[in-house]
Amino acid sequence: MEEQIKLVWSPRASDMLEDIHEYISEYSLKAAYKYIDGIYNSVAKLEKYLESCSPCKNSKLNAEGFRCCLYRNHIIVYEFIQNQVEILAVIYSKIDPDRMIDLIG
């Protein structure tokens, strides 16, 4: 029997999603909901395919063993520990790469 993988959003990642939604909703509420749904859908696959996203290209994130999914203009950083995928951060892809590790917390 295959073990169930649980997808968990860290408080920081949840806050980041709220910030993204708030920013986009200033222009279009419909677009904001669509964008956030896209992020959720892109990480939902991790419950079945843990390695569907690659190790992070950012050397500091990679050194920590994090994996990254890309959704449009954002990088979704996660780690897998004992049947649990924890989404750690949702980071704007144009941010200074040296600051990315600081945003994980």
PDB file of N, CA and C in Angstrom:
ATOM      1  N   MET A   1       0.823  -1.185   0.000  1.00  0.00           N
ATOM      2  CA  MET A   1       0.000   0.000   0.000  1.00  0.00           C
ATOM      3  C   MET A   1       0.872   1.257   0.000  1.00  0.00           C
ATOM      4  N   GLU A   2       0.526   2.180  -0.870  1.00  0.00           N
ATOM      5  CA  GLU A   2       1.295   3.407  -1.003  1.00  0.00           C
ATOM      6  C   GLU A   2       0.958   4.376   0.135  1.00  0.00           C
ATOM      7  N   GLU A   3       2.003   4.985   0.726  1.00  0.00           N
ATOM      8  CA  GLU A   3       1.782   5.919   1.821  1.00  0.00           C
ATOM      9  C   GLU A   3       1.246   7.246   1.285  1.00  0.00           C
ATOM     10  N   GLN A   4       0.341   7.836   2.050  1.00  0.00           N
ATOM     11  CA  GLN A   4      -0.256   9.111   1.671  1.00  0.00           C
ATOM     12  C   GLN A   4       0.716  10.252   1.969  1.00  0.00           C
ATOM     13  N   ILE A   5       0.923  11.112   0.997  1.00  0.00           N
ATOM     14  CA  ILE A   5       1.771  12.282   1.163  1.00  0.00           C
ATOM     15  C   ILE A   5       0.883  13.457   1.545  1.00  0.00           C
ATOM     16  N   LYS A   6       1.279  14.176   2.563  1.00  0.00           N
ATOM     17  CA  LYS A   6       0.512  15.328   3.030  1.00  0.00           C
ATOM     18  C   LYS A   6       1.199  16.605   2.554  1.00  0.00           C
ATOM     19  N   LEU A   7       0.417  17.515   2.009  1.00  0.00           N
ATOM     20  CA  LEU A   7       0.906  18.808   1.554  1.00  0.00           C
ATOM     21  C   LEU A   7       0.569  19.850   2.614  1.00  0.00           C
ATOM     22  N   VAL A   8       1.590  20.545   3.128  1.00  0.00           N
ATOM     23  CA  VAL A   8       1.419  21.514   4.215  1.00  0.00           C
ATOM     24  C   VAL A   8       2.036  22.848   3.790  1.00  0.00           C
ATOM     25  N   TRP A   9       1.304  23.915   4.056  1.00  0.00           N
ATOM     26  CA  TRP A   9       1.802  25.267   3.775  1.00  0.00           C
ATOM     27  C   TRP A   9       2.306  25.873   5.075  1.00  0.00           C
ATOM     28  N   SER A  10       3.547  26.331   5.084  1.00  0.00           N
ATOM     29  CA  SER A  10       4.080  27.005   6.268  1.00  0.00           C
ATOM     30  C   SER A  10       3.342  28.335   6.442  1.00  0.00           C
ATOM     31  N   PRO A  11       3.318  28.859   7.662  1.00  0.00           N
ATOM     32  CA  PRO A  11       2.697  30.168   7.870  1.00  0.00           C
ATOM     33  C   PRO A  11       3.319  31.247   6.974  1.00  0.00           C
ATOM     34  N   ARG A  12       4.623  31.194   6.798  1.00  0.00           N
ATOM     35  CA  ARG A  12       5.301  32.194   5.954  1.00  0.00           C
ATOM     36  C   ARG A  12       4.824  32.089   4.510  1.00  0.00           C
ATOM     37  N   ALA A  13       4.731  30.874   3.985  1.00  0.00           N
ATOM     38  CA  ALA A  13       4.277  30.695   2.606  1.00  0.00           C
ATOM     39  C   ALA A  13       2.828  31.161   2.451  1.00  0.00           C
ATOM     40  N   SER A  14       1.999  30.879   3.449  1.00  0.00           N
ATOM     41  CA  SER A  14       0.608  31.337   3.417  1.00  0.00           C
ATOM     42  C   SER A  14       0.529  32.862   3.411  1.00  0.00           C
ATOM     43  N   ASP A  15       1.372  33.495   4.217  1.00  0.00           N
ATOM     44  CA  ASP A  15       1.419  34.960   4.232  1.00  0.00           C
ATOM     45  C   ASP A  15       1.864  35.505   2.878  1.00  0.00           C
ATOM     46  N   MET A  16       2.818  34.845   2.273  1.00  0.00           N
ATOM     47  CA  MET A  16       3.298  35.272   0.956  1.00  0.00           C
ATOM     48  C   MET A  16       2.185  35.177  -0.087  1.00  0.00           C
ATOM     49  N   LEU A  17       1.393  34.093  -0.012  1.00  0.00           N
ATOM     50  CA  LEU A  17       0.256  33.953  -0.927  1.00  0.00           C
ATOM     51  C   LEU A  17      -0.745  35.091  -0.736  1.00  0.00           C
ATOM     52  N   GLU A  18      -1.007  35.436   0.503  1.00  0.00           N
ATOM     53  CA  GLU A  18      -1.921  36.541   0.786  1.00  0.00           C
ATOM     54  C   GLU A  18      -1.399  37.852   0.195  1.00  0.00           C
ATOM     55  N   ASP A  19      -0.095  38.080   0.325  1.00  0.00           N
ATOM     56  CA  ASP A  19       0.508  39.294  -0.229  1.00  0.00           C
ATOM     57  C   ASP A  19       0.382  39.327  -1.754  1.00  0.00           C
ATOM     58  N   ILE A  20       0.607  38.182  -2.382  1.00  0.00           N
ATOM     59  CA  ILE A  20       0.493  38.097  -3.846  1.00  0.00           C
ATOM     60  C   ILE A  20      -0.948  38.384  -4.260  1.00  0.00           C
ATOM     61  N   HIS A  21      -1.884  37.763  -3.553  1.00  0.00           N
ATOM     62  CA  HIS A  21      -3.299  37.975  -3.860  1.00  0.00           C
ATOM     63  C   HIS A  21      -3.676  39.452  -3.705  1.00  0.00           C
ATOM     64  N   GLU A  22      -3.231  40.047  -2.617  1.00  0.00           N
ATOM     65  CA  GLU A  22      -3.535  41.454  -2.361  1.00  0.00           C
ATOM     66  C   GLU A  22      -2.973  42.347  -3.464  1.00  0.00           C
ATOM     67  N   TYR A  23      -1.740  42.094  -3.859  1.00  0.00           N
ATOM     68  CA  TYR A  23      -1.102  42.908  -4.901  1.00  0.00           C
ATOM     69  C   TYR A  23      -1.853  42.797  -6.229  1.00  0.00           C
ATOM     70  N   ILE A  24      -2.130  41.573  -6.665  1.00  0.00           N
ATOM     71  CA  ILE A  24      -2.796  41.374  -7.957  1.00  0.00           C
ATOM     72  C   ILE A  24      -4.233  41.893  -7.919  1.00  0.00           C
ATOM     73  N   SER A  25      -4.898  41.752  -6.773  1.00  0.00           N
ATOM     74  CA  SER A  25      -6.299  42.175  -6.683  1.00  0.00           C
ATOM     75  C   SER A  25      -6.450  43.690  -6.803  1.00  0.00           C
ATOM     76  N   GLU A  26      -5.368  44.444  -6.618  1.00  0.00           N
ATOM     77  CA  GLU A  26      -5.430  45.885  -6.845  1.00  0.00           C
ATOM     78  C   GLU A  26      -5.760  46.189  -8.303  1.00  0.00           C
ATOM     79  N   TYR A  27      -5.411  45.256  -9.184  1.00  0.00           N
ATOM     80  CA  TYR A  27      -5.657  45.422 -10.615  1.00  0.00           C
ATOM     81  C   TYR A  27      -6.888  44.637 -11.069  1.00  0.00           C
ATOM     82  N   SER A  28      -7.032  43.425 -10.516  1.00  0.00           N
ATOM     83  CA  SER A  28      -8.158  42.585 -10.910  1.00  0.00           C
ATOM     84  C   SER A  28      -8.345  41.469  -9.881  1.00  0.00           C
ATOM     85  N   LEU A  29      -9.511  41.463  -9.246  1.00  0.00           N
ATOM     86  CA  LEU A  29      -9.804  40.425  -8.260  1.00  0.00           C
ATOM     87  C   LEU A  29      -9.878  39.050  -8.919  1.00  0.00           C
ATOM     88  N   LYS A  30     -10.460  38.999 -10.092  1.00  0.00           N
ATOM     89  CA  LYS A  30     -10.566  37.732 -10.828  1.00  0.00           C
ATOM     90  C   LYS A  30      -9.176  37.183 -11.163  1.00  0.00           C
ATOM     91  N   ALA A  31      -8.294  38.047 -11.622  1.00  0.00           N
ATOM     92  CA  ALA A  31      -6.929  37.627 -11.959  1.00  0.00           C
ATOM     93  C   ALA A  31      -6.184  37.144 -10.716  1.00  0.00           C
ATOM     94  N   ALA A  32      -6.428  37.805  -9.580  1.00  0.00           N
ATOM     95  CA  ALA A  32      -5.759  37.408  -8.336  1.00  0.00           C
ATOM     96  C   ALA A  32      -6.163  35.999  -7.935  1.00  0.00           C
ATOM     97  N   TYR A  33      -7.465  35.716  -7.981  1.00  0.00           N
ATOM     98  CA  TYR A  33      -7.932  34.366  -7.637  1.00  0.00           C
ATOM     99  C   TYR A  33      -7.397  33.331  -8.620  1.00  0.00           C
ATOM    100  N   LYS A  34      -7.369  33.680  -9.882  1.00  0.00           N
ATOM    101  CA  LYS A  34      -6.870  32.758 -10.908  1.00  0.00           C
ATOM    102  C   LYS A  34      -5.382  32.451 -10.699  1.00  0.00           C
ATOM    103  N   TYR A  35      -4.614  33.471 -10.353  1.00  0.00           N
ATOM    104  CA  TYR A  35      -3.177  33.290 -10.141  1.00  0.00           C
ATOM    105  C   TYR A  35      -2.922  32.398  -8.923  1.00  0.00           C
ATOM    106  N   ILE A  36      -3.629  32.668  -7.828  1.00  0.00           N
ATOM    107  CA  ILE A  36      -3.448  31.859  -6.614  1.00  0.00           C
ATOM    108  C   ILE A  36      -3.890  30.417  -6.862  1.00  0.00           C
ATOM    109  N   ASP A  37      -4.991  30.227  -7.571  1.00  0.00           N
ATOM    110  CA  ASP A  37      -5.422  28.866  -7.939  1.00  0.00           C
ATOM    111  C   ASP A  37      -4.347  28.166  -8.756  1.00  0.00           C
ATOM    112  N   GLY A  38      -3.698  28.895  -9.640  1.00  0.00           N
ATOM    113  CA  GLY A  38      -2.621  28.319 -10.441  1.00  0.00           C
ATOM    114  C   GLY A  38      -1.461  27.849  -9.580  1.00  0.00           C
ATOM    115  N   ILE A  39      -1.136  28.620  -8.558  1.00  0.00           N
ATOM    116  CA  ILE A  39      -0.068  28.213  -7.638  1.00  0.00           C
ATOM    117  C   ILE A  39      -0.475  26.940  -6.901  1.00  0.00           C
ATOM    118  N   TYR A  40      -1.696  26.929  -6.371  1.00  0.00           N
ATOM    119  CA  TYR A  40      -2.174  25.727  -5.675  1.00  0.00           C
ATOM    120  C   TYR A  40      -2.157  24.500  -6.587  1.00  0.00           C
ATOM    121  N   ASN A  41      -2.613  24.661  -7.803  1.00  0.00           N
ATOM    122  CA  ASN A  41      -2.646  23.544  -8.744  1.00  0.00           C
ATOM    123  C   ASN A  41      -1.249  23.066  -9.110  1.00  0.00           C
ATOM    124  N   SER A  42      -0.306  23.989  -9.200  1.00  0.00           N
ATOM    125  CA  SER A  42       1.052  23.582  -9.579  1.00  0.00           C
ATOM    126  C   SER A  42       1.736  22.769  -8.483  1.00  0.00           C
ATOM    127  N   VAL A  43       1.376  23.014  -7.210  1.00  0.00           N
ATOM    128  CA  VAL A  43       1.997  22.237  -6.130  1.00  0.00           C
ATOM    129  C   VAL A  43       1.184  20.997  -5.756  1.00  0.00           C
ATOM    130  N   ALA A  44      -0.074  20.939  -6.161  1.00  0.00           N
ATOM    131  CA  ALA A  44      -0.907  19.778  -5.834  1.00  0.00           C
ATOM    132  C   ALA A  44      -0.323  18.487  -6.389  1.00  0.00           C
ATOM    133  N   LYS A  45       0.365  18.580  -7.517  1.00  0.00           N
ATOM    134  CA  LYS A  45       0.959  17.387  -8.133  1.00  0.00           C
ATOM    135  C   LYS A  45       2.025  16.749  -7.246  1.00  0.00           C
ATOM    136  N   LEU A  46       2.564  17.524  -6.309  1.00  0.00           N
ATOM    137  CA  LEU A  46       3.623  16.999  -5.443  1.00  0.00           C
ATOM    138  C   LEU A  46       3.121  15.885  -4.525  1.00  0.00           C
ATOM    139  N   GLU A  47       1.824  15.835  -4.276  1.00  0.00           N
ATOM    140  CA  GLU A  47       1.273  14.768  -3.433  1.00  0.00           C
ATOM    141  C   GLU A  47       1.438  13.402  -4.085  1.00  0.00           C
ATOM    142  N   LYS A  48       1.503  13.377  -5.405  1.00  0.00           N
ATOM    143  CA  LYS A  48       1.692  12.107  -6.114  1.00  0.00           C
ATOM    144  C   LYS A  48       3.082  11.976  -6.724  1.00  0.00           C
ATOM    145  N   TYR A  49       3.647  13.096  -7.141  1.00  0.00           N
ATOM    146  CA  TYR A  49       4.934  13.083  -7.834  1.00  0.00           C
ATOM    147  C   TYR A  49       5.904  14.024  -7.126  1.00  0.00           C
ATOM    148  N   LEU A  50       6.536  13.524  -6.078  1.00  0.00           N
ATOM    149  CA  LEU A  50       7.403  14.348  -5.234  1.00  0.00           C
ATOM    150  C   LEU A  50       8.529  15.038  -5.979  1.00  0.00           C
ATOM    151  N   GLU A  51       9.029  14.391  -6.983  1.00  0.00           N
ATOM    152  CA  GLU A  51      10.176  14.943  -7.684  1.00  0.00           C
ATOM    153  C   GLU A  51       9.785  15.573  -9.014  1.00  0.00           C
ATOM    154  N   SER A  52       8.523  15.990  -9.131  1.00  0.00           N
ATOM    155  CA  SER A  52       8.088  16.608 -10.377  1.00  0.00           C
ATOM    156  C   SER A  52       8.678  18.008 -10.553  1.00  0.00           C
ATOM    157  N   CYS A  53       9.163  18.581  -9.474  1.00  0.00           N
ATOM    158  CA  CYS A  53       9.872  19.853  -9.543  1.00  0.00           C
ATOM    159  C   CYS A  53      11.351  19.574  -9.259  1.00  0.00           C
ATOM    160  N   SER A  54      12.194  20.386  -9.819  1.00  0.00           N
ATOM    161  CA  SER A  54      13.626  20.121  -9.738  1.00  0.00           C
ATOM    162  C   SER A  54      14.264  20.714  -8.483  1.00  0.00           C
ATOM    163  N   PRO A  55      15.492  20.258  -8.187  1.00  0.00           N
ATOM    164  CA  PRO A  55      16.237  20.929  -7.124  1.00  0.00           C
ATOM    165  C   PRO A  55      16.381  22.409  -7.504  1.00  0.00           C
ATOM    166  N   CYS A  56      16.429  23.271  -6.527  1.00  0.00           N
ATOM    167  CA  CYS A  56      16.499  24.710  -6.793  1.00  0.00           C
ATOM    168  C   CYS A  56      17.772  25.070  -7.548  1.00  0.00           C
ATOM    169  N   LYS A  57      17.639  25.982  -8.486  1.00  0.00           N
ATOM    170  CA  LYS A  57      18.797  26.476  -9.231  1.00  0.00           C
ATOM    171  C   LYS A  57      19.643  27.419  -8.381  1.00  0.00           C
ATOM    172  N   ASN A  58      19.011  28.073  -7.432  1.00  0.00           N
ATOM    173  CA  ASN A  58      19.713  28.952  -6.517  1.00  0.00           C
ATOM    174  C   ASN A  58      20.641  28.098  -5.646  1.00  0.00           C
ATOM    175  N   SER A  59      21.926  28.395  -5.664  1.00  0.00           N
ATOM    176  CA  SER A  59      22.909  27.542  -4.981  1.00  0.00           C
ATOM    177  C   SER A  59      22.678  27.458  -3.471  1.00  0.00           C
ATOM    178  N   LYS A  60      22.250  28.546  -2.851  1.00  0.00           N
ATOM    179  CA  LYS A  60      22.014  28.525  -1.398  1.00  0.00           C
ATOM    180  C   LYS A  60      20.803  27.661  -1.051  1.00  0.00           C
ATOM    181  N   LEU A  61      19.740  27.768  -1.841  1.00  0.00           N
ATOM    182  CA  LEU A  61      18.560  26.937  -1.597  1.00  0.00           C
ATOM    183  C   LEU A  61      18.872  25.472  -1.877  1.00  0.00           C
ATOM    184  N   ASN A  62      19.624  25.238  -2.937  1.00  0.00           N
ATOM    185  CA  ASN A  62      19.999  23.876  -3.307  1.00  0.00           C
ATOM    186  C   ASN A  62      20.856  23.233  -2.216  1.00  0.00           C
ATOM    187  N   ALA A  63      21.776  24.003  -1.654  1.00  0.00           N
ATOM    188  CA  ALA A  63      22.656  23.484  -0.593  1.00  0.00           C
ATOM    189  C   ALA A  63      21.852  23.052   0.635  1.00  0.00           C
ATOM    190  N   GLU A  64      20.695  23.662   0.842  1.00  0.00           N
ATOM    191  CA  GLU A  64      19.829  23.295   1.969  1.00  0.00           C
ATOM    192  C   GLU A  64      18.946  22.095   1.631  1.00  0.00           C
ATOM    193  N   GLY A  65      19.003  21.641   0.381  1.00  0.00           N
ATOM    194  CA  GLY A  65      18.220  20.486  -0.030  1.00  0.00           C
ATOM    195  C   GLY A  65      16.792  20.809  -0.460  1.00  0.00           C
ATOM    196  N   PHE A  66      16.513  22.094  -0.661  1.00  0.00           N
ATOM    197  CA  PHE A  66      15.172  22.495  -1.078  1.00  0.00           C
ATOM    198  C   PHE A  66      14.964  22.206  -2.554  1.00  0.00           C
ATOM    199  N   ARG A  67      13.705  22.022  -2.910  1.00  0.00           N
ATOM    200  CA  ARG A  67      13.305  21.869  -4.306  1.00  0.00           C
ATOM    201  C   ARG A  67      12.433  23.062  -4.657  1.00  0.00           C
ATOM    202  N   CYS A  68      12.347  23.373  -5.944  1.00  0.00           N
ATOM    203  CA  CYS A  68      11.611  24.555  -6.387  1.00  0.00           C
ATOM    204  C   CYS A  68      10.722  24.235  -7.576  1.00  0.00           C
ATOM    205  N   CYS A  69       9.494  24.728  -7.503  1.00  0.00           N
ATOM    206  CA  CYS A  69       8.572  24.695  -8.634  1.00  0.00           C
ATOM    207  C   CYS A  69       8.457  26.129  -9.143  1.00  0.00           C
ATOM    208  N   LEU A  70       8.326  26.266 -10.412  1.00  0.00           N
ATOM    209  CA  LEU A  70       8.146  27.587 -10.981  1.00  0.00           C
ATOM    210  C   LEU A  70       6.706  27.722 -11.451  1.00  0.00           C
ATOM    211  N   TYR A  71       6.059  28.783 -11.019  1.00  0.00           N
ATOM    212  CA  TYR A  71       4.737  29.111 -11.542  1.00  0.00           C
ATOM    213  C   TYR A  71       4.778  30.564 -11.990  1.00  0.00           C
ATOM    214  N   ARG A  72       4.720  30.752 -13.276  1.00  0.00           N
ATOM    215  CA  ARG A  72       4.750  32.070 -13.899  1.00  0.00           C
ATOM    216  C   ARG A  72       5.874  32.920 -13.320  1.00  0.00           C
ATOM    217  N   ASN A  73       5.573  33.933 -12.504  1.00  0.00           N
ATOM    218  CA  ASN A  73       6.601  34.841 -11.980  1.00  0.00           C
ATOM    219  C   ASN A  73       7.040  34.510 -10.558  1.00  0.00           C
ATOM    220  N   HIS A  74       6.711  33.309 -10.087  1.00  0.00           N
ATOM    221  CA  HIS A  74       7.051  32.958  -8.712  1.00  0.00           C
ATOM    222  C   HIS A  74       7.722  31.595  -8.610  1.00  0.00           C
ATOM    223  N   ILE A  75       8.592  31.507  -7.638  1.00  0.00           N
ATOM    224  CA  ILE A  75       9.282  30.257  -7.316  1.00  0.00           C
ATOM    225  C   ILE A  75       8.678  29.731  -6.021  1.00  0.00           C
ATOM    226  N   ILE A  76       8.215  28.506  -6.060  1.00  0.00           N
ATOM    227  CA  ILE A  76       7.621  27.869  -4.887  1.00  0.00           C
ATOM    228  C   ILE A  76       8.675  26.935  -4.308  1.00  0.00           C
ATOM    229  N   VAL A  77       9.120  27.236  -3.108  1.00  0.00           N
ATOM    230  CA  VAL A  77      10.198  26.484  -2.460  1.00  0.00           C
ATOM    231  C   VAL A  77       9.576  25.505  -1.471  1.00  0.00           C
ATOM    232  N   TYR A  78      10.022  24.235  -1.560  1.00  0.00           N
ATOM    233  CA  TYR A  78       9.478  23.228  -0.653  1.00  0.00           C
ATOM    234  C   TYR A  78      10.545  22.235  -0.246  1.00  0.00           C
ATOM    235  N   GLU A  79      10.210  21.454   0.779  1.00  0.00           N
ATOM    236  CA  GLU A  79      11.059  20.340   1.189  1.00  0.00           C
ATOM    237  C   GLU A  79      10.171  19.157   1.529  1.00  0.00           C
ATOM    238  N   PHE A  80      10.751  17.978   1.423  1.00  0.00           N
ATOM    239  CA  PHE A  80      10.033  16.737   1.709  1.00  0.00           C
ATOM    240  C   PHE A  80      10.658  16.088   2.932  1.00  0.00           C
ATOM    241  N   ILE A  81       9.831  15.893   3.955  1.00  0.00           N
ATOM    242  CA  ILE A  81      10.296  15.249   5.181  1.00  0.00           C
ATOM    243  C   ILE A  81       9.220  14.277   5.652  1.00  0.00           C
ATOM    244  N   GLN A  82       9.551  12.999   5.711  1.00  0.00           N
ATOM    245  CA  GLN A  82       8.680  11.958   6.257  1.00  0.00           C
ATOM    246  C   GLN A  82       7.222  12.076   5.811  1.00  0.00           C
ATOM    247  N   ASN A  83       6.963  11.771   4.567  1.00  0.00           N
ATOM    248  CA  ASN A  83       5.607  11.751   4.010  1.00  0.00           C
ATOM    249  C   ASN A  83       4.899  13.108   4.032  1.00  0.00           C
ATOM    250  N   GLN A  84       5.672  14.164   4.132  1.00  0.00           N
ATOM    251  CA  GLN A  84       5.073  15.494   4.149  1.00  0.00           C
ATOM    252  C   GLN A  84       5.851  16.429   3.234  1.00  0.00           C
ATOM    253  N   VAL A  85       5.138  17.109   2.368  1.00  0.00           N
ATOM    254  CA  VAL A  85       5.721  18.152   1.540  1.00  0.00           C
ATOM    255  C   VAL A  85       5.353  19.465   2.197  1.00  0.00           C
ATOM    256  N   GLU A  86       6.358  20.207   2.636  1.00  0.00           N
ATOM    257  CA  GLU A  86       6.073  21.507   3.242  1.00  0.00           C
ATOM    258  C   GLU A  86       6.467  22.612   2.281  1.00  0.00           C
ATOM    259  N   ILE A  87       5.478  23.428   1.929  1.00  0.00           N
ATOM    260  CA  ILE A  87       5.727  24.594   1.091  1.00  0.00           C
ATOM    261  C   ILE A  87       6.270  25.664   2.028  1.00  0.00           C
ATOM    262  N   LEU A  88       7.495  26.099   1.755  1.00  0.00           N
ATOM    263  CA  LEU A  88       8.182  27.017   2.656  1.00  0.00           C
ATOM    264  C   LEU A  88       8.043  28.475   2.260  1.00  0.00           C
ATOM    265  N   ALA A  89       7.971  28.732   0.951  1.00  0.00           N
ATOM    266  CA  ALA A  89       7.925  30.119   0.494  1.00  0.00           C
ATOM    267  C   ALA A  89       7.436  30.179  -0.941  1.00  0.00           C
ATOM    268  N   VAL A  90       6.871  31.331  -1.283  1.00  0.00           N
ATOM    269  CA  VAL A  90       6.481  31.638  -2.661  1.00  0.00           C
ATOM    270  C   VAL A  90       7.145  32.976  -2.959  1.00  0.00           C
ATOM    271  N   ILE A  91       8.204  32.931  -3.754  1.00  0.00           N
ATOM    272  CA  ILE A  91       9.095  34.077  -3.932  1.00  0.00           C
ATOM    273  C   ILE A  91       9.013  34.604  -5.366  1.00  0.00           C
ATOM    274  N   TYR A  92       8.939  35.915  -5.494  1.00  0.00           N
ATOM    275  CA  TYR A  92       8.968  36.561  -6.806  1.00  0.00           C
ATOM    276  C   TYR A  92      10.283  36.195  -7.484  1.00  0.00           C
ATOM    277  N   SER A  93      10.204  35.716  -8.709  1.00  0.00           N
ATOM    278  CA  SER A  93      11.385  35.169  -9.387  1.00  0.00           C
ATOM    279  C   SER A  93      12.439  36.209  -9.749  1.00  0.00           C
ATOM    280  N   LYS A  94      12.094  37.483  -9.751  1.00  0.00           N
ATOM    281  CA  LYS A  94      13.057  38.533 -10.118  1.00  0.00           C
ATOM    282  C   LYS A  94      13.824  39.087  -8.917  1.00  0.00           C
ATOM    283  N   ILE A  95      13.550  38.564  -7.733  1.00  0.00           N
ATOM    284  CA  ILE A  95      14.233  39.048  -6.537  1.00  0.00           C
ATOM    285  C   ILE A  95      15.708  38.667  -6.596  1.00  0.00           C
ATOM    286  N   ASP A  96      16.526  39.420  -5.921  1.00  0.00           N
ATOM    287  CA  ASP A  96      17.958  39.148  -5.843  1.00  0.00           C
ATOM    288  C   ASP A  96      18.160  37.721  -5.316  1.00  0.00           C
ATOM    289  N   PRO A  97      18.812  36.860  -6.089  1.00  0.00           N
ATOM    290  CA  PRO A  97      18.996  35.459  -5.671  1.00  0.00           C
ATOM    291  C   PRO A  97      19.675  35.300  -4.305  1.00  0.00           C
ATOM    292  N   ASP A  98      20.528  36.243  -3.943  1.00  0.00           N
ATOM    293  CA  ASP A  98      21.206  36.151  -2.648  1.00  0.00           C
ATOM    294  C   ASP A  98      20.256  36.389  -1.474  1.00  0.00           C
ATOM    295  N   ARG A  99      19.108  37.008  -1.732  1.00  0.00           N
ATOM    296  CA  ARG A  99      18.124  37.273  -0.667  1.00  0.00           C
ATOM    297  C   ARG A  99      17.122  36.140  -0.499  1.00  0.00           C
ATOM    298  N   MET A 100      17.071  35.219  -1.448  1.00  0.00           N
ATOM    299  CA  MET A 100      16.035  34.177  -1.416  1.00  0.00           C
ATOM    300  C   MET A 100      16.102  33.321  -0.162  1.00  0.00           C
ATOM    301  N   ILE A 101      17.284  32.931   0.248  1.00  0.00           N
ATOM    302  CA  ILE A 101      17.408  32.063   1.426  1.00  0.00           C
ATOM    303  C   ILE A 101      16.882  32.782   2.676  1.00  0.00           C
ATOM    304  N   ASP A 102      17.051  34.092   2.737  1.00  0.00           N
ATOM    305  CA  ASP A 102      16.569  34.867   3.891  1.00  0.00           C
ATOM    306  C   ASP A 102      15.048  34.879   3.969  1.00  0.00           C
ATOM    307  N   LEU A 103      14.374  34.699   2.840  1.00  0.00           N
ATOM    308  CA  LEU A 103      12.920  34.728   2.811  1.00  0.00           C
ATOM    309  C   LEU A 103      12.298  33.402   3.266  1.00  0.00           C
ATOM    310  N   ILE A 104      13.092  32.363   3.367  1.00  0.00           N
ATOM    311  CA  ILE A 104      12.583  31.065   3.792  1.00  0.00           C
ATOM    312  C   ILE A 104      12.320  31.080   5.298  1.00  0.00           C
ATOM    313  N   GLY A 105      13.196  31.716   6.033  1.00  0.00           N
ATOM    314  CA  GLY A 105      13.017  31.862   7.481  1.00  0.00           C
ATOM    315  C   GLY A 105      13.371  30.632   8.177  1.00  0.00           C
TER     316      GLY A 105
END
